[in-house]
Structures are given as structure tokens and as C-alpha cells.
Amino acid sequence: MGYTTGAKILPDIIDEIAAALIGSAGGYWTDGDTAWTTATKTGNLARRCLKYTNGGEVMYLALESINSSMNIYLTGSYWRYATGLRVTFSAAWDGTGHAPTSRTYMTFLQFEGRYNGGSGDMATIQVTYYLWVDATGFVITGKPEPNATDDRQGSFFLVVERNPNKEYTDGFSNFFCYNACNYMNGTNTADYYMTPYIRPFTYQNRDYNQEGMPTINVSGIYFPACPWTSFKSVGNGKVYYIKPIYFNTADRRTPIAQSEMFFAYAETVGLIDGDVIAIEGQTTKYLCKGLDSPDTTGRLTYAIKYVA
């Protein structure tokens, strides 16, 4: 638990996240389905299910290495083929059928992609990653190693967070999910939606329909800029930032909380990859990570939690 970095295949990263959540303080996270393991890395069988229980609040979180090339379609374009990480939130779980049931929200993060077939092997491709895990969830950003078969390899960012301090009681869970890929965010088959923002189970934003570097502001979450998302002052050397605000609805008139795990930063105004931002009056620190990818120079620039 805490901050780690390294290079691993996706199934091993999934295992690391699962182990850290289960071992986190409070005992809220447990193994949701022992039949879901990463022992078999072919197909889509390297996967874990986590169960979060806090009083009457129950949430199932599924993390799957999608290694059978699946279809992505962008409006006005052709089919693409991709492998990567699928994330599913479910209110209940079928322990016999070993699958989510009831209400489910899901998203897919493309690591590897190609126009006419192919897609990299998640069982062998090394992913350099930067990860924070605690009892409230996790945040991760990473970059796959280059491979010769794909021409749409993308870096990724993902946060799954449960903020216990909501602005008001809304009858929904305390979880939210935000993700971005620096090559592709699109719409696709029903089982593999790319959903940049998830607020279970009241709102999710689909159909981003964008190939290439996405904008960070999508319906449901907002990164205030004054005039940048965060920047380093040339006067006193301090960093000024605003944590992203997330909402229950697309119109952004229902602010429910702010993330404590990350915020966006701008590289053109004094902050660069590797900078560590210490929060004044606290022990908390954030690490700036700016990642391009093997097939695009567009950069994901987020500061993730580094020290509690």
C-alpha cells in the first residue's frame, strides 16, 4: 500500500492492485470471487474481482486484462482492434456464474491498438507504471513498451476512488472513476465501452468519439483552470492547484466531491515530469507524471498521490 513504480505485464499489475487493496487499512476490501485469478493470461482470463464493504455499502470492482483483440468503432471512421484493461463496477455478483449482476458500469482503457488486426499481447508486453493504493482506492498512470505490430499504442491514466466526504447525501455510492488514454477514446461494442467518467450508479459518460489526445474535461468531471489547471508561481515558487470536481449529472450542476488522489497540471508553466509537490501544512505529496506513448507525442499530465 502506498506508492510503487516499476515495469510489469498487465496481469501482474492487476494482482498488485488487488493485493494492496485487500491489505489496506480498515479491512474494507476482500477477494470478491476466488475463481477470478491471473493464472491464465491468454484470452480475457487474467482478471480479479474485489469486494468493498463498509456498513451497508457494497461495491464489486472487476479488473480484467483484455487480451483477445476487440473492436472499437469511432464515428465516421473504421473499426480498430485493441487490447488493454477493462474496469467494471457492479452492485452485486453472481458467485456461481462468476460474473457481475444487477447494476453495472464499465470502461475500457486501450493500451495496444491497430487499424487492421493485431494488437499487442498483454501477457508479455511490459508496462511501466506509477501507482498509488490505499483504502479509498487507487490511481495509476503508465506506458506500454513499443511493439512492432501496433501503431496505436497509448499511455493511460486511471483513478478509482471512494471519497468518504460527499457534499450531501445522494443515495448513491461514494465511488467515482475517471480515465484517459493519450491515443484513443471512443465508442465500441456493448461489452467494451470506453467511459471516461463513471459515477456509480447515477451517471456515466460514454461515446467520447475521439481518436488522438483527449481533452481532460468530460461530462461529469471538471478541472478548474485559473488560468491553468495548476502551475508554479514565478513570484514565490509555490504551486497553485485546484483538485478536480466530480458530479452526479452531465450538466455539472450536482457537485458531489473532489478527488484526493490526483489533479491535472500544465507542463508549460513551471511544472515538469518528476516534480514532487508538497502540500503546505500537511505530510501529503503529489508526483507529477507526464507520459507520451510509443505512437503519439500527446502527453497525459497528472499529479498523483505520492506520500500520504
C-alpha atoms as a PDB file:
ATOM      1  CA  MET A   1       0.000   0.000   0.000  1.00  0.00           C
ATOM      2  CA  GLY A   2       1.215   3.486  -0.830  1.00  0.00           C
ATOM      3  CA  TYR A   3       3.311   4.418  -3.853  1.00  0.00           C
ATOM      4  CA  THR A   4       5.057   1.932  -6.131  1.00  0.00           C
ATOM      5  CA  THR A   5       6.546   2.044  -9.597  1.00  0.00           C
ATOM      6  CA  GLY A   6       8.075  -0.492 -11.934  1.00  0.00           C
ATOM      7  CA  ALA A   7       7.582  -2.401 -15.173  1.00  0.00           C
ATOM      8  CA  LYS A   8       5.276  -5.434 -15.304  1.00  0.00           C
ATOM      9  CA  ILE A   9       2.802  -7.146 -17.578  1.00  0.00           C
ATOM     10  CA  LEU A  10      -0.797  -6.009 -17.071  1.00  0.00           C
ATOM     11  CA  PRO A  11      -1.977  -9.188 -15.241  1.00  0.00           C
ATOM     12  CA  ASP A  12       0.776  -8.687 -12.654  1.00  0.00           C
ATOM     13  CA  ILE A  13      -0.193  -5.036 -12.207  1.00  0.00           C
ATOM     14  CA  ILE A  14      -3.789  -6.125 -11.627  1.00  0.00           C
ATOM     15  CA  ASP A  15      -2.556  -8.570  -8.979  1.00  0.00           C
ATOM     16  CA  GLU A  16      -0.518  -5.855  -7.293  1.00  0.00           C
ATOM     17  CA  ILE A  17      -3.514  -3.520  -7.111  1.00  0.00           C
ATOM     18  CA  ALA A  18      -5.754  -6.307  -5.776  1.00  0.00           C
ATOM     19  CA  ALA A  19      -3.254  -7.353  -3.101  1.00  0.00           C
ATOM     20  CA  ALA A  20      -2.715  -3.765  -1.977  1.00  0.00           C
ATOM     21  CA  LEU A  21      -6.445  -3.061  -1.706  1.00  0.00           C
ATOM     22  CA  ILE A  22      -7.064  -6.269   0.266  1.00  0.00           C
ATOM     23  CA  GLY A  23      -4.146  -5.426   2.566  1.00  0.00           C
ATOM     24  CA  SER A  24      -5.184  -1.802   3.126  1.00  0.00           C
ATOM     25  CA  ALA A  25      -6.331  -0.360   6.442  1.00  0.00           C
ATOM     26  CA  GLY A  26      -9.847  -0.963   7.695  1.00  0.00           C
ATOM     27  CA  GLY A  27     -10.401  -4.367   6.118  1.00  0.00           C
ATOM     28  CA  TYR A  28     -12.955  -2.957   3.671  1.00  0.00           C
ATOM     29  CA  TRP A  29     -11.596  -4.789   0.619  1.00  0.00           C
ATOM     30  CA  THR A  30     -11.782  -8.554   0.168  1.00  0.00           C
ATOM     31  CA  ASP A  31     -11.481 -11.010  -2.701  1.00  0.00           C
ATOM     32  CA  GLY A  32     -14.859 -10.872  -4.423  1.00  0.00           C
ATOM     33  CA  ASP A  33     -14.524 -14.114  -6.378  1.00  0.00           C
ATOM     34  CA  THR A  34     -11.676 -16.569  -5.832  1.00  0.00           C
ATOM     35  CA  ALA A  35     -12.379 -18.105  -9.261  1.00  0.00           C
ATOM     36  CA  TRP A  36     -11.118 -14.880 -10.831  1.00  0.00           C
ATOM     37  CA  THR A  37      -7.311 -15.090 -10.915  1.00  0.00           C
ATOM     38  CA  THR A  38      -4.496 -14.107 -13.246  1.00  0.00           C
ATOM     39  CA  ALA A  39      -3.093 -17.646 -13.522  1.00  0.00           C
ATOM     40  CA  THR A  40      -4.253 -17.935 -17.153  1.00  0.00           C
ATOM     41  CA  LYS A  41      -3.049 -14.984 -19.174  1.00  0.00           C
ATOM     42  CA  THR A  42      -4.441 -15.946 -22.583  1.00  0.00           C
ATOM     43  CA  GLY A  43      -7.749 -14.608 -23.835  1.00  0.00           C
ATOM     44  CA  ASN A  44      -9.509 -12.427 -21.279  1.00  0.00           C
ATOM     45  CA  LEU A  45      -8.943 -14.770 -18.344  1.00  0.00           C
ATOM     46  CA  ALA A  46      -6.368 -12.784 -16.342  1.00  0.00           C
ATOM     47  CA  ARG A  47      -8.707 -10.919 -14.002  1.00  0.00           C
ATOM     48  CA  ARG A  48      -9.540 -10.110 -10.406  1.00  0.00           C
ATOM     49  CA  CYS A  49     -12.744  -9.238  -8.577  1.00  0.00           C
ATOM     50  CA  LEU A  50     -12.614  -7.090  -5.438  1.00  0.00           C
ATOM     51  CA  LYS A  51     -15.455  -6.539  -2.983  1.00  0.00           C
ATOM     52  CA  TYR A  52     -15.729  -3.357  -0.935  1.00  0.00           C
ATOM     53  CA  THR A  53     -17.908  -3.481   2.201  1.00  0.00           C
ATOM     54  CA  ASN A  54     -18.444  -0.549   4.566  1.00  0.00           C
ATOM     55  CA  GLY A  55     -21.523  -0.983   6.715  1.00  0.00           C
ATOM     56  CA  GLY A  56     -24.399  -1.296   4.273  1.00  0.00           C
ATOM     57  CA  GLU A  57     -22.362  -0.077   1.321  1.00  0.00           C
ATOM     58  CA  VAL A  58     -21.232  -2.845  -1.022  1.00  0.00           C
ATOM     59  CA  MET A  59     -19.369  -2.437  -4.297  1.00  0.00           C
ATOM     60  CA  TYR A  60     -17.761  -5.004  -6.588  1.00  0.00           C
ATOM     61  CA  LEU A  61     -14.809  -3.887  -8.685  1.00  0.00           C
ATOM     62  CA  ALA A  62     -13.594  -6.084 -11.554  1.00  0.00           C
ATOM     63  CA  LEU A  63     -10.219  -5.570 -13.230  1.00  0.00           C
ATOM     64  CA  GLU A  64      -9.630  -7.572 -16.429  1.00  0.00           C
ATOM     65  CA  SER A  65      -6.718  -7.903 -18.818  1.00  0.00           C
ATOM     66  CA  ILE A  66      -8.440  -7.891 -22.225  1.00  0.00           C
ATOM     67  CA  ASN A  67      -6.057  -9.904 -24.385  1.00  0.00           C
ATOM     68  CA  SER A  68      -8.429 -11.067 -27.116  1.00  0.00           C
ATOM     69  CA  SER A  69      -8.340  -8.282 -29.662  1.00  0.00           C
ATOM     70  CA  MET A  70     -11.696  -6.496 -29.573  1.00  0.00           C
ATOM     71  CA  ASN A  71     -13.381  -3.997 -31.851  1.00  0.00           C
ATOM     72  CA  ILE A  72     -13.520  -0.247 -31.370  1.00  0.00           C
ATOM     73  CA  TYR A  73     -15.505   1.964 -33.685  1.00  0.00           C
ATOM     74  CA  LEU A  74     -15.222   5.733 -33.935  1.00  0.00           C
ATOM     75  CA  THR A  75     -17.968   7.767 -35.576  1.00  0.00           C
ATOM     76  CA  GLY A  76     -17.163   8.375 -39.220  1.00  0.00           C
ATOM     77  CA  SER A  77     -14.148   6.103 -39.143  1.00  0.00           C
ATOM     78  CA  TYR A  78     -13.236   2.444 -39.452  1.00  0.00           C
ATOM     79  CA  TRP A  79     -13.065  -0.334 -36.937  1.00  0.00           C
ATOM     80  CA  ARG A  80      -9.957  -0.537 -34.788  1.00  0.00           C
ATOM     81  CA  TYR A  81      -8.714  -3.514 -32.792  1.00  0.00           C
ATOM     82  CA  ALA A  82      -7.390  -3.180 -29.276  1.00  0.00           C
ATOM     83  CA  THR A  83      -6.238  -4.868 -26.085  1.00  0.00           C
ATOM     84  CA  GLY A  84      -5.963  -3.336 -22.630  1.00  0.00           C
ATOM     85  CA  LEU A  85      -7.702  -3.011 -19.276  1.00  0.00           C
ATOM     86  CA  ARG A  86     -11.429  -3.310 -18.571  1.00  0.00           C
ATOM     87  CA  VAL A  87     -12.840  -1.908 -15.310  1.00  0.00           C
ATOM     88  CA  THR A  88     -16.336  -2.800 -14.093  1.00  0.00           C
ATOM     89  CA  PHE A  89     -18.356  -1.575 -11.127  1.00  0.00           C
ATOM     90  CA  SER A  90     -21.230  -3.798 -10.012  1.00  0.00           C
ATOM     91  CA  ALA A  91     -23.752  -3.604  -7.198  1.00  0.00           C
ATOM     92  CA  ALA A  92     -23.899  -7.413  -6.940  1.00  0.00           C
ATOM     93  CA  TRP A  93     -22.010 -10.505  -8.061  1.00  0.00           C
ATOM     94  CA  ASP A  94     -23.038 -13.956  -9.225  1.00  0.00           C
ATOM     95  CA  GLY A  95     -20.776 -16.317  -7.290  1.00  0.00           C
ATOM     96  CA  THR A  96     -21.989 -19.314  -9.293  1.00  0.00           C
ATOM     97  CA  GLY A  97     -21.770 -17.819 -12.763  1.00  0.00           C
ATOM     98  CA  HIS A  98     -18.700 -15.766 -11.751  1.00  0.00           C
ATOM     99  CA  ALA A  99     -19.899 -12.544 -13.321  1.00  0.00           C
ATOM    100  CA  PRO A 100     -21.260  -9.141 -12.300  1.00  0.00           C
ATOM    101  CA  THR A 101     -25.025  -8.833 -11.986  1.00  0.00           C
ATOM    102  CA  SER A 102     -27.572  -6.170 -11.183  1.00  0.00           C
ATOM    103  CA  ARG A 103     -26.391  -2.633 -11.989  1.00  0.00           C
ATOM    104  CA  THR A 104     -23.044  -2.478 -13.822  1.00  0.00           C
ATOM    105  CA  TYR A 105     -20.970   0.424 -15.142  1.00  0.00           C
ATOM    106  CA  MET A 106     -17.798  -0.313 -17.083  1.00  0.00           C
ATOM    107  CA  THR A 107     -14.992   1.231 -19.083  1.00  0.00           C
ATOM    108  CA  PHE A 108     -12.086   0.085 -21.243  1.00  0.00           C
ATOM    109  CA  LEU A 109      -8.583   1.542 -21.483  1.00  0.00           C
ATOM    110  CA  GLN A 110      -6.764   0.838 -24.725  1.00  0.00           C
ATOM    111  CA  PHE A 111      -3.068   0.016 -24.314  1.00  0.00           C
ATOM    112  CA  GLU A 112      -2.489  -1.508 -27.762  1.00  0.00           C
ATOM    113  CA  GLY A 113      -4.340  -0.830 -30.986  1.00  0.00           C
ATOM    114  CA  ARG A 114      -4.219  -1.229 -34.744  1.00  0.00           C
ATOM    115  CA  TYR A 115      -6.438  -0.435 -37.716  1.00  0.00           C
ATOM    116  CA  ASN A 116      -6.479  -3.794 -39.479  1.00  0.00           C
ATOM    117  CA  GLY A 117      -5.984  -6.527 -36.916  1.00  0.00           C
ATOM    118  CA  GLY A 118      -3.289  -7.398 -34.473  1.00  0.00           C
ATOM    119  CA  SER A 119      -2.924  -5.808 -31.030  1.00  0.00           C
ATOM    120  CA  GLY A 120      -0.182  -6.451 -28.558  1.00  0.00           C
ATOM    121  CA  ASP A 121      -0.059  -9.388 -26.171  1.00  0.00           C
ATOM    122  CA  MET A 122      -0.917  -8.257 -22.638  1.00  0.00           C
ATOM    123  CA  ALA A 123       0.721 -11.440 -21.335  1.00  0.00           C
ATOM    124  CA  THR A 124       4.150 -10.307 -22.497  1.00  0.00           C
ATOM    125  CA  ILE A 125       4.228  -6.529 -23.048  1.00  0.00           C
ATOM    126  CA  GLN A 126       5.921  -4.689 -20.206  1.00  0.00           C
ATOM    127  CA  VAL A 127       4.054  -1.650 -18.897  1.00  0.00           C
ATOM    128  CA  THR A 128       5.974   0.991 -16.966  1.00  0.00           C
ATOM    129  CA  TYR A 129       3.584   2.203 -14.283  1.00  0.00           C
ATOM    130  CA  TYR A 130       3.261   4.653 -11.394  1.00  0.00           C
ATOM    131  CA  LEU A 131       0.736   3.583  -8.766  1.00  0.00           C
ATOM    132  CA  TRP A 132      -0.793   4.772  -5.517  1.00  0.00           C
ATOM    133  CA  VAL A 133      -3.084   2.478  -3.497  1.00  0.00           C
ATOM    134  CA  ASP A 134      -4.811   2.999  -0.145  1.00  0.00           C
ATOM    135  CA  ALA A 135      -8.094   2.010   1.483  1.00  0.00           C
ATOM    136  CA  THR A 136     -10.015   4.568  -0.599  1.00  0.00           C
ATOM    137  CA  GLY A 137      -8.920   3.084  -3.937  1.00  0.00           C
ATOM    138  CA  PHE A 138      -6.080   3.605  -6.377  1.00  0.00           C
ATOM    139  CA  VAL A 139      -4.652   5.862  -9.056  1.00  0.00           C
ATOM    140  CA  ILE A 140      -2.306   4.663 -11.792  1.00  0.00           C
ATOM    141  CA  THR A 141      -0.687   6.029 -14.916  1.00  0.00           C
ATOM    142  CA  GLY A 142       1.518   4.060 -17.273  1.00  0.00           C
ATOM    143  CA  LYS A 143       3.091   3.491 -20.657  1.00  0.00           C
ATOM    144  CA  PRO A 144       3.464   0.219 -22.608  1.00  0.00           C
ATOM    145  CA  GLU A 145       6.750  -0.717 -24.230  1.00  0.00           C
ATOM    146  CA  PRO A 146       6.887  -0.330 -28.028  1.00  0.00           C
ATOM    147  CA  ASN A 147       5.987  -3.286 -30.218  1.00  0.00           C
ATOM    148  CA  ALA A 148       6.242  -3.809 -33.941  1.00  0.00           C
ATOM    149  CA  THR A 149       2.676  -4.936 -34.634  1.00  0.00           C
ATOM    150  CA  ASP A 150       0.625  -1.989 -33.343  1.00  0.00           C
ATOM    151  CA  ASP A 151       0.553   1.623 -34.461  1.00  0.00           C
ATOM    152  CA  ARG A 152      -1.938   2.965 -31.911  1.00  0.00           C
ATOM    153  CA  GLN A 153      -0.215   2.299 -28.609  1.00  0.00           C
ATOM    154  CA  GLY A 154      -1.312   4.656 -25.873  1.00  0.00           C
ATOM    155  CA  SER A 155      -0.359   5.641 -22.379  1.00  0.00           C
ATOM    156  CA  PHE A 156      -3.164   5.629 -19.839  1.00  0.00           C
ATOM    157  CA  PHE A 157      -4.433   7.218 -16.644  1.00  0.00           C
ATOM    158  CA  LEU A 158      -6.983   5.678 -14.272  1.00  0.00           C
ATOM    159  CA  VAL A 159      -8.368   6.585 -10.863  1.00  0.00           C
ATOM    160  CA  VAL A 160     -10.855   4.532  -8.836  1.00  0.00           C
ATOM    161  CA  GLU A 161     -11.611   6.424  -5.655  1.00  0.00           C
ATOM    162  CA  ARG A 162     -14.074   6.382  -2.802  1.00  0.00           C
ATOM    163  CA  ASN A 163     -14.231   9.784  -1.145  1.00  0.00           C
ATOM    164  CA  PRO A 164     -15.980   9.471   2.249  1.00  0.00           C
ATOM    165  CA  ASN A 165     -16.744  13.202   2.334  1.00  0.00           C
ATOM    166  CA  LYS A 166     -19.540  13.931  -0.110  1.00  0.00           C
ATOM    167  CA  GLU A 167     -21.165  17.345  -0.290  1.00  0.00           C
ATOM    168  CA  TYR A 168     -24.570  15.872   0.508  1.00  0.00           C
ATOM    169  CA  THR A 169     -26.360  12.541   0.898  1.00  0.00           C
ATOM    170  CA  ASP A 170     -27.469  11.487  -2.560  1.00  0.00           C
ATOM    171  CA  GLY A 171     -28.398   7.832  -2.110  1.00  0.00           C
ATOM    172  CA  PHE A 172     -25.545   6.599  -4.308  1.00  0.00           C
ATOM    173  CA  SER A 173     -22.138   5.109  -3.578  1.00  0.00           C
ATOM    174  CA  ASN A 174     -19.094   7.198  -2.682  1.00  0.00           C
ATOM    175  CA  PHE A 175     -17.066   5.865  -5.611  1.00  0.00           C
ATOM    176  CA  PHE A 176     -16.098   7.535  -8.848  1.00  0.00           C
ATOM    177  CA  CYS A 177     -13.836   6.608 -11.766  1.00  0.00           C
ATOM    178  CA  TYR A 178     -12.036   8.774 -14.283  1.00  0.00           C
ATOM    179  CA  ASN A 179      -9.710   7.597 -17.025  1.00  0.00           C
ATOM    180  CA  ALA A 180      -7.895   8.836 -20.102  1.00  0.00           C
ATOM    181  CA  CYS A 181      -5.757   7.376 -22.877  1.00  0.00           C
ATOM    182  CA  ASN A 182      -3.499   9.559 -24.971  1.00  0.00           C
ATOM    183  CA  TYR A 183      -4.291   7.785 -28.213  1.00  0.00           C
ATOM    184  CA  MET A 184      -7.894   6.657 -28.308  1.00  0.00           C
ATOM    185  CA  ASN A 185     -11.154   7.313 -26.515  1.00  0.00           C
ATOM    186  CA  GLY A 186     -14.126   6.064 -28.489  1.00  0.00           C
ATOM    187  CA  THR A 187     -17.395   4.190 -28.595  1.00  0.00           C
ATOM    188  CA  ASN A 188     -17.490   0.492 -29.299  1.00  0.00           C
ATOM    189  CA  THR A 189     -19.240  -2.808 -28.678  1.00  0.00           C
ATOM    190  CA  ALA A 190     -21.537  -3.065 -25.675  1.00  0.00           C
ATOM    191  CA  ASP A 191     -19.076  -5.024 -23.546  1.00  0.00           C
ATOM    192  CA  TYR A 192     -16.160  -2.663 -24.119  1.00  0.00           C
ATOM    193  CA  TYR A 193     -17.392   0.863 -23.652  1.00  0.00           C
ATOM    194  CA  MET A 194     -14.745   3.500 -23.236  1.00  0.00           C
ATOM    195  CA  THR A 195     -16.263   5.536 -20.458  1.00  0.00           C
ATOM    196  CA  PRO A 196     -14.049   8.435 -19.372  1.00  0.00           C
ATOM    197  CA  TYR A 197     -16.171   9.145 -16.291  1.00  0.00           C
ATOM    198  CA  ILE A 198     -18.181   6.823 -14.051  1.00  0.00           C
ATOM    199  CA  ARG A 199     -20.263   7.768 -11.012  1.00  0.00           C
ATOM    200  CA  PRO A 200     -21.936   4.529  -9.906  1.00  0.00           C
ATOM    201  CA  PHE A 201     -24.798   4.211 -10.207  1.00  0.00           C
ATOM    202  CA  THR A 202     -26.185   7.553 -11.249  1.00  0.00           C
ATOM    203  CA  TYR A 203     -24.218   8.721 -14.297  1.00  0.00           C
ATOM    204  CA  GLN A 204     -21.596   7.604 -16.790  1.00  0.00           C
ATOM    205  CA  ASN A 205     -20.189   9.398 -19.787  1.00  0.00           C
ATOM    206  CA  ARG A 206     -19.804   7.351 -22.969  1.00  0.00           C
ATOM    207  CA  ASP A 207     -19.203   7.926 -26.667  1.00  0.00           C
ATOM    208  CA  TYR A 208     -16.178  10.155 -26.487  1.00  0.00           C
ATOM    209  CA  ASN A 209     -15.618   9.566 -30.209  1.00  0.00           C
ATOM    210  CA  GLN A 210     -12.100  10.897 -30.263  1.00  0.00           C
ATOM    211  CA  GLU A 211      -9.025   9.303 -31.745  1.00  0.00           C
ATOM    212  CA  GLY A 212      -5.926  11.062 -30.511  1.00  0.00           C
ATOM    213  CA  MET A 213      -5.189  13.159 -27.467  1.00  0.00           C
ATOM    214  CA  PRO A 214      -8.404  13.793 -25.488  1.00  0.00           C
ATOM    215  CA  THR A 215      -9.353  16.893 -23.548  1.00  0.00           C
ATOM    216  CA  ILE A 216      -9.347  16.371 -19.792  1.00  0.00           C
ATOM    217  CA  ASN A 217     -12.764  17.896 -19.121  1.00  0.00           C
ATOM    218  CA  VAL A 218     -15.564  15.466 -19.936  1.00  0.00           C
ATOM    219  CA  SER A 219     -19.179  15.475 -18.837  1.00  0.00           C
ATOM    220  CA  GLY A 220     -19.330  14.602 -15.136  1.00  0.00           C
ATOM    221  CA  ILE A 221     -15.922  15.895 -14.042  1.00  0.00           C
ATOM    222  CA  TYR A 222     -14.301  19.306 -14.268  1.00  0.00           C
ATOM    223  CA  PHE A 223     -10.726  20.542 -13.871  1.00  0.00           C
ATOM    224  CA  PRO A 224     -10.947  24.250 -12.967  1.00  0.00           C
ATOM    225  CA  ALA A 225      -8.246  26.447 -14.502  1.00  0.00           C
ATOM    226  CA  CYS A 226      -7.130  29.787 -13.086  1.00  0.00           C
ATOM    227  CA  PRO A 227      -5.829  30.276 -15.741  1.00  0.00           C
ATOM    228  CA  TRP A 228      -4.104  26.829 -15.758  1.00  0.00           C
ATOM    229  CA  THR A 229      -5.160  23.614 -14.052  1.00  0.00           C
ATOM    230  CA  SER A 230      -2.105  24.001 -11.816  1.00  0.00           C
ATOM    231  CA  PHE A 231       1.102  25.953 -12.175  1.00  0.00           C
ATOM    232  CA  LYS A 232       4.243  27.104 -10.380  1.00  0.00           C
ATOM    233  CA  SER A 233       4.374  30.770  -9.462  1.00  0.00           C
ATOM    234  CA  VAL A 234       7.344  32.743 -10.800  1.00  0.00           C
ATOM    235  CA  GLY A 235       6.932  35.017  -7.788  1.00  0.00           C
ATOM    236  CA  ASN A 236       7.138  32.758  -4.729  1.00  0.00           C
ATOM    237  CA  GLY A 237       7.838  29.364  -6.301  1.00  0.00           C
ATOM    238  CA  LYS A 238       4.682  27.836  -4.857  1.00  0.00           C
ATOM    239  CA  VAL A 239       2.342  25.588  -6.825  1.00  0.00           C
ATOM    240  CA  TYR A 240      -1.253  26.693  -7.183  1.00  0.00           C
ATOM    241  CA  TYR A 241      -3.785  23.997  -7.997  1.00  0.00           C
ATOM    242  CA  ILE A 242      -7.444  23.016  -7.732  1.00  0.00           C
ATOM    243  CA  LYS A 243      -8.466  19.394  -7.301  1.00  0.00           C
ATOM    244  CA  PRO A 244     -10.930  18.108  -9.906  1.00  0.00           C
ATOM    245  CA  ILE A 245     -14.617  18.370  -9.009  1.00  0.00           C
ATOM    246  CA  TYR A 246     -16.889  15.498  -9.931  1.00  0.00           C
ATOM    247  CA  PHE A 247     -20.652  15.458 -10.357  1.00  0.00           C
ATOM    248  CA  ASN A 248     -23.706  13.228 -10.434  1.00  0.00           C
ATOM    249  CA  THR A 249     -25.008  14.571 -13.747  1.00  0.00           C
ATOM    250  CA  ALA A 250     -23.737  15.649 -17.150  1.00  0.00           C
ATOM    251  CA  ASP A 251     -24.669  19.309 -16.668  1.00  0.00           C
ATOM    252  CA  ARG A 252     -22.124  19.741 -13.822  1.00  0.00           C
ATOM    253  CA  ARG A 253     -24.733  21.280 -11.531  1.00  0.00           C
ATOM    254  CA  THR A 254     -24.528  18.500  -8.952  1.00  0.00           C
ATOM    255  CA  PRO A 255     -21.009  18.703  -7.452  1.00  0.00           C
ATOM    256  CA  ILE A 256     -20.621  15.807  -5.053  1.00  0.00           C
ATOM    257  CA  ALA A 257     -16.911  15.770  -4.102  1.00  0.00           C
ATOM    258  CA  GLN A 258     -13.323  16.444  -5.142  1.00  0.00           C
ATOM    259  CA  SER A 259     -10.629  13.870  -5.716  1.00  0.00           C
ATOM    260  CA  GLU A 260      -7.944  13.477  -3.062  1.00  0.00           C
ATOM    261  CA  MET A 261      -5.774  11.209  -5.226  1.00  0.00           C
ATOM    262  CA  PHE A 262      -4.817  13.390  -8.181  1.00  0.00           C
ATOM    263  CA  PHE A 263      -5.081  16.639 -10.066  1.00  0.00           C
ATOM    264  CA  ALA A 264      -4.068  17.806 -13.544  1.00  0.00           C
ATOM    265  CA  TYR A 265      -1.055  20.019 -14.154  1.00  0.00           C
ATOM    266  CA  ALA A 266       0.291  22.120 -17.016  1.00  0.00           C
ATOM    267  CA  GLU A 267       3.846  21.479 -18.220  1.00  0.00           C
ATOM    268  CA  THR A 268       4.227  24.882 -19.846  1.00  0.00           C
ATOM    269  CA  VAL A 269       4.092  26.899 -16.627  1.00  0.00           C
ATOM    270  CA  GLY A 270       6.848  25.688 -14.361  1.00  0.00           C
ATOM    271  CA  LEU A 271       5.924  22.064 -13.656  1.00  0.00           C
ATOM    272  CA  ILE A 272       7.588  19.081 -15.313  1.00  0.00           C
ATOM    273  CA  ASP A 273       7.518  15.304 -15.168  1.00  0.00           C
ATOM    274  CA  GLY A 274       9.063  14.097 -11.903  1.00  0.00           C
ATOM    275  CA  ASP A 275       8.318  17.199  -9.843  1.00  0.00           C
ATOM    276  CA  VAL A 276       7.107  16.476  -6.302  1.00  0.00           C
ATOM    277  CA  ILE A 277       4.515  18.863  -4.872  1.00  0.00           C
ATOM    278  CA  ALA A 278       4.345  19.050  -1.063  1.00  0.00           C
ATOM    279  CA  ILE A 279       1.018  20.284   0.300  1.00  0.00           C
ATOM    280  CA  GLU A 280       1.617  23.141   2.709  1.00  0.00           C
ATOM    281  CA  GLY A 281       0.866  22.261   6.329  1.00  0.00           C
ATOM    282  CA  GLN A 282       0.430  18.538   5.538  1.00  0.00           C
ATOM    283  CA  THR A 283       2.589  15.471   5.024  1.00  0.00           C
ATOM    284  CA  THR A 284       0.837  14.765   1.716  1.00  0.00           C
ATOM    285  CA  LYS A 285       2.828  14.964  -1.505  1.00  0.00           C
ATOM    286  CA  TYR A 286       1.931  14.509  -5.171  1.00  0.00           C
ATOM    287  CA  LEU A 287       4.163  13.325  -8.014  1.00  0.00           C
ATOM    288  CA  CYS A 288       3.858  14.942 -11.444  1.00  0.00           C
ATOM    289  CA  LYS A 289       3.886  12.382 -14.258  1.00  0.00           C
ATOM    290  CA  GLY A 290       3.800  13.422 -17.891  1.00  0.00           C
ATOM    291  CA  LEU A 291       3.598  10.485 -20.304  1.00  0.00           C
ATOM    292  CA  ASP A 292       3.637  10.285 -24.066  1.00  0.00           C
ATOM    293  CA  SER A 293       3.457   6.865 -25.729  1.00  0.00           C
ATOM    294  CA  PRO A 294       5.142   4.823 -28.452  1.00  0.00           C
ATOM    295  CA  ASP A 295       2.785   6.117 -31.146  1.00  0.00           C
ATOM    296  CA  THR A 296       1.915   9.684 -30.154  1.00  0.00           C
ATOM    297  CA  THR A 297       3.628  12.661 -28.578  1.00  0.00           C
ATOM    298  CA  GLY A 298       0.431  13.828 -26.894  1.00  0.00           C
ATOM    299  CA  ARG A 299       1.043  13.769 -23.153  1.00  0.00           C
ATOM    300  CA  LEU A 300      -1.087  12.805 -20.179  1.00  0.00           C
ATOM    301  CA  THR A 301      -0.106  15.204 -17.379  1.00  0.00           C
ATOM    302  CA  TYR A 302      -1.448  14.372 -13.934  1.00  0.00           C
ATOM    303  CA  ALA A 303      -0.061  14.667 -10.416  1.00  0.00           C
ATOM    304  CA  ILE A 304      -0.810  11.502  -8.439  1.00  0.00           C
ATOM    305  CA  LYS A 305      -0.624  10.887  -4.717  1.00  0.00           C
ATOM    306  CA  TYR A 306       2.921  10.050  -3.669  1.00  0.00           C
ATOM    307  CA  VAL A 307       3.037  10.403   0.125  1.00  0.00           C
ATOM    308  CA  ALA A 308       0.027  10.178   2.450  1.00  0.00           C
END
